[in-house]
């Protein structure tokens, strides 16, 4: 799982930067809808792993680089770090990180979008590390 996050960091960081440079109004609407779908599922206490992968996939679509979409389309929702999160401690942070990514893309700030995506995925890796080392009951 950690190796997948390393791959995602490489791919999604650059995708966020390209999306910030290339997004039009329709792209921003689609990214926002993907973000809202995650939040809606999470608010109802439902598993949002599948929706969680739609967010970077929509960002990849915005790049207009089909190979990025192809690679990210191969990710299994069960591989989403969201499945390992403690809802009380992490979900609002993750949602805020997603919002930061979206806002940087919407502002057209390529470096800001890259930085926000990189920070999100680094934080995701750390959350996974903590979850995997937590004692099991």
Protein backbone atom coordinates (compact mmCIF):
# COMPACT_ATOMS: atom_id res chain seq x y z
CA UNK A 1 0.00 0.00 0.00
CA UNK A 2 2.85 2.40 0.77
CA UNK A 3 4.37 1.75 -2.65
CA UNK A 4 1.06 2.67 -4.30
CA UNK A 5 1.07 5.97 -2.39
CA UNK A 6 4.59 6.68 -3.63
CA UNK A 7 3.44 6.09 -7.20
CA UNK A 8 0.36 8.23 -6.64
CA UNK A 9 2.52 11.02 -5.22
CA UNK A 10 4.61 11.09 -8.40
CA UNK A 11 1.62 11.01 -10.73
CA UNK A 12 -0.99 13.03 -8.88
CA UNK A 13 1.36 15.84 -7.91
CA UNK A 14 2.15 16.60 -11.52
CA UNK A 15 -1.46 16.04 -12.57
CA UNK A 16 -2.58 18.71 -10.09
CA UNK A 17 -0.10 21.19 -11.55
CA UNK A 18 -1.18 20.46 -15.11
CA UNK A 19 -4.84 20.68 -14.11
CA UNK A 20 -4.24 24.14 -12.64
CA UNK A 21 -2.80 25.24 -15.98
CA UNK A 22 -5.48 23.63 -18.15
CA UNK A 23 -8.77 23.63 -16.23
CA UNK A 24 -11.77 25.33 -17.71
CA UNK A 25 -15.08 26.05 -15.96
CA UNK A 26 -16.53 22.62 -16.78
CA UNK A 27 -13.42 20.88 -15.42
CA UNK A 28 -13.65 22.86 -12.18
CA UNK A 29 -17.31 21.88 -11.84
CA UNK A 30 -16.42 18.20 -12.34
CA UNK A 31 -13.60 18.33 -9.77
CA UNK A 32 -15.88 20.11 -7.31
CA UNK A 33 -18.62 17.50 -7.84
CA UNK A 34 -16.09 14.74 -7.13
CA UNK A 35 -15.05 16.55 -3.95
CA UNK A 36 -18.67 17.01 -2.87
CA UNK A 37 -19.40 13.31 -3.48
CA UNK A 38 -16.62 12.36 -1.07
CA UNK A 39 -17.90 14.74 1.57
CA UNK A 40 -21.52 13.59 1.17
CA UNK A 41 -20.61 9.94 1.69
CA UNK A 42 -18.36 10.73 4.63
CA UNK A 43 -20.99 12.94 6.29
CA UNK A 44 -23.40 9.99 6.27
CA UNK A 45 -20.78 7.70 7.75
CA UNK A 46 -20.56 5.72 4.55
CA UNK A 47 -17.41 4.38 2.93
CA UNK A 48 -16.15 6.99 0.47
CA UNK A 49 -13.16 5.02 -0.82
CA UNK A 50 -14.52 4.78 -4.36
CA UNK A 51 -15.39 8.48 -4.44
CA UNK A 52 -11.98 9.25 -2.94
CA UNK A 53 -10.32 7.84 -6.05
CA UNK A 54 -12.67 9.76 -8.34
CA UNK A 55 -11.22 13.06 -7.11
CA UNK A 56 -7.68 12.53 -8.47
CA UNK A 57 -9.13 10.79 -11.52
CA UNK A 58 -11.16 13.90 -12.33
CA UNK A 59 -8.04 16.01 -11.83
CA UNK A 60 -6.20 13.70 -14.26
CA UNK A 61 -9.00 14.11 -16.82
CA UNK A 62 -8.53 17.86 -16.56
CA UNK A 63 -4.92 17.50 -17.73
CA UNK A 64 -6.13 16.14 -21.06
CA UNK A 65 -3.38 13.54 -20.81
CA UNK A 66 -5.09 10.20 -21.37
CA UNK A 67 -2.21 8.16 -19.96
CA UNK A 68 -2.65 9.77 -16.54
CA UNK A 69 -6.30 8.80 -16.61
CA UNK A 70 -5.39 5.26 -17.71
CA UNK A 71 -2.96 4.77 -14.83
CA UNK A 72 -5.24 6.22 -12.16
CA UNK A 73 -8.21 4.26 -13.50
CA UNK A 74 -6.39 1.07 -12.55
CA UNK A 75 -6.42 1.87 -8.82
CA UNK A 76 -8.63 -0.36 -6.73
CA UNK A 77 -10.87 1.58 -4.29
CA UNK A 78 -9.84 -0.90 -1.60
CA UNK A 79 -6.34 0.56 -1.94
CA UNK A 80 -7.58 3.97 -0.85
CA UNK A 81 -5.95 5.22 2.35
CA UNK A 82 -9.41 6.48 3.37
CA UNK A 83 -10.42 2.95 4.28
CA UNK A 84 -7.84 3.00 7.08
CA UNK A 85 -8.72 6.37 8.58
CA UNK A 86 -10.03 7.03 12.03
CA UNK A 87 -13.17 9.06 11.23
CA UNK A 88 -12.96 11.06 14.43
CA UNK A 89 -9.41 12.21 13.87
CA UNK A 90 -8.66 12.29 10.18
CA UNK A 91 -11.61 12.69 7.85
CA UNK A 92 -12.05 16.43 8.29
CA UNK A 93 -8.31 16.93 7.70
CA UNK A 94 -8.45 14.86 4.53
CA UNK A 95 -11.45 16.82 3.29
CA UNK A 96 -9.65 20.10 4.03
CA UNK A 97 -6.61 18.86 2.12
CA UNK A 98 -8.81 18.00 -0.86
CA UNK A 99 -10.35 21.46 -0.69
CA UNK A 100 -6.88 23.04 -0.69
CA UNK A 101 -6.02 21.10 -3.85
CA UNK A 102 -9.25 22.12 -5.56
CA UNK A 103 -8.83 25.78 -4.63
CA UNK A 104 -5.26 25.93 -5.95
CA UNK A 105 -6.40 24.37 -9.23
CA UNK A 106 -9.34 26.80 -9.43
CA UNK A 107 -6.96 29.73 -8.94
CA UNK A 108 -4.72 28.41 -11.70
CA UNK A 109 -1.76 28.10 -9.33
CA UNK A 110 0.21 25.16 -10.71
CA UNK A 111 2.89 25.14 -8.02
CA UNK A 112 0.32 25.63 -5.28
CA UNK A 113 -1.72 22.72 -6.65
CA UNK A 114 1.38 20.52 -6.80
CA UNK A 115 2.34 21.46 -3.26
CA UNK A 116 -1.19 20.86 -1.93
CA UNK A 117 -1.40 17.45 -3.63
CA UNK A 118 2.07 16.45 -2.46
CA UNK A 119 1.27 17.46 1.12
CA UNK A 120 -2.02 15.56 1.00
CA UNK A 121 -0.35 12.36 -0.17
CA UNK A 122 2.53 12.68 2.29
CA UNK A 123 -0.04 13.17 5.05
CA UNK A 124 -2.00 10.17 3.74
CA UNK A 125 1.12 8.03 3.93
CA UNK A 126 1.70 9.16 7.52
CA UNK A 127 -1.91 8.46 8.46
CA UNK A 128 -1.58 4.98 6.96
CA UNK A 129 1.66 4.40 8.82
CA UNK A 130 0.03 5.36 12.11
CA UNK A 131 -3.02 3.20 11.39
CA UNK A 132 -0.90 0.18 10.52
CA UNK A 133 1.19 0.50 13.67
CA UNK A 134 -1.78 1.10 15.99
CA UNK A 135 -2.52 -1.76 18.38
CA UNK A 136 -5.42 -3.94 17.30
CA UNK A 137 -8.22 -4.67 19.76
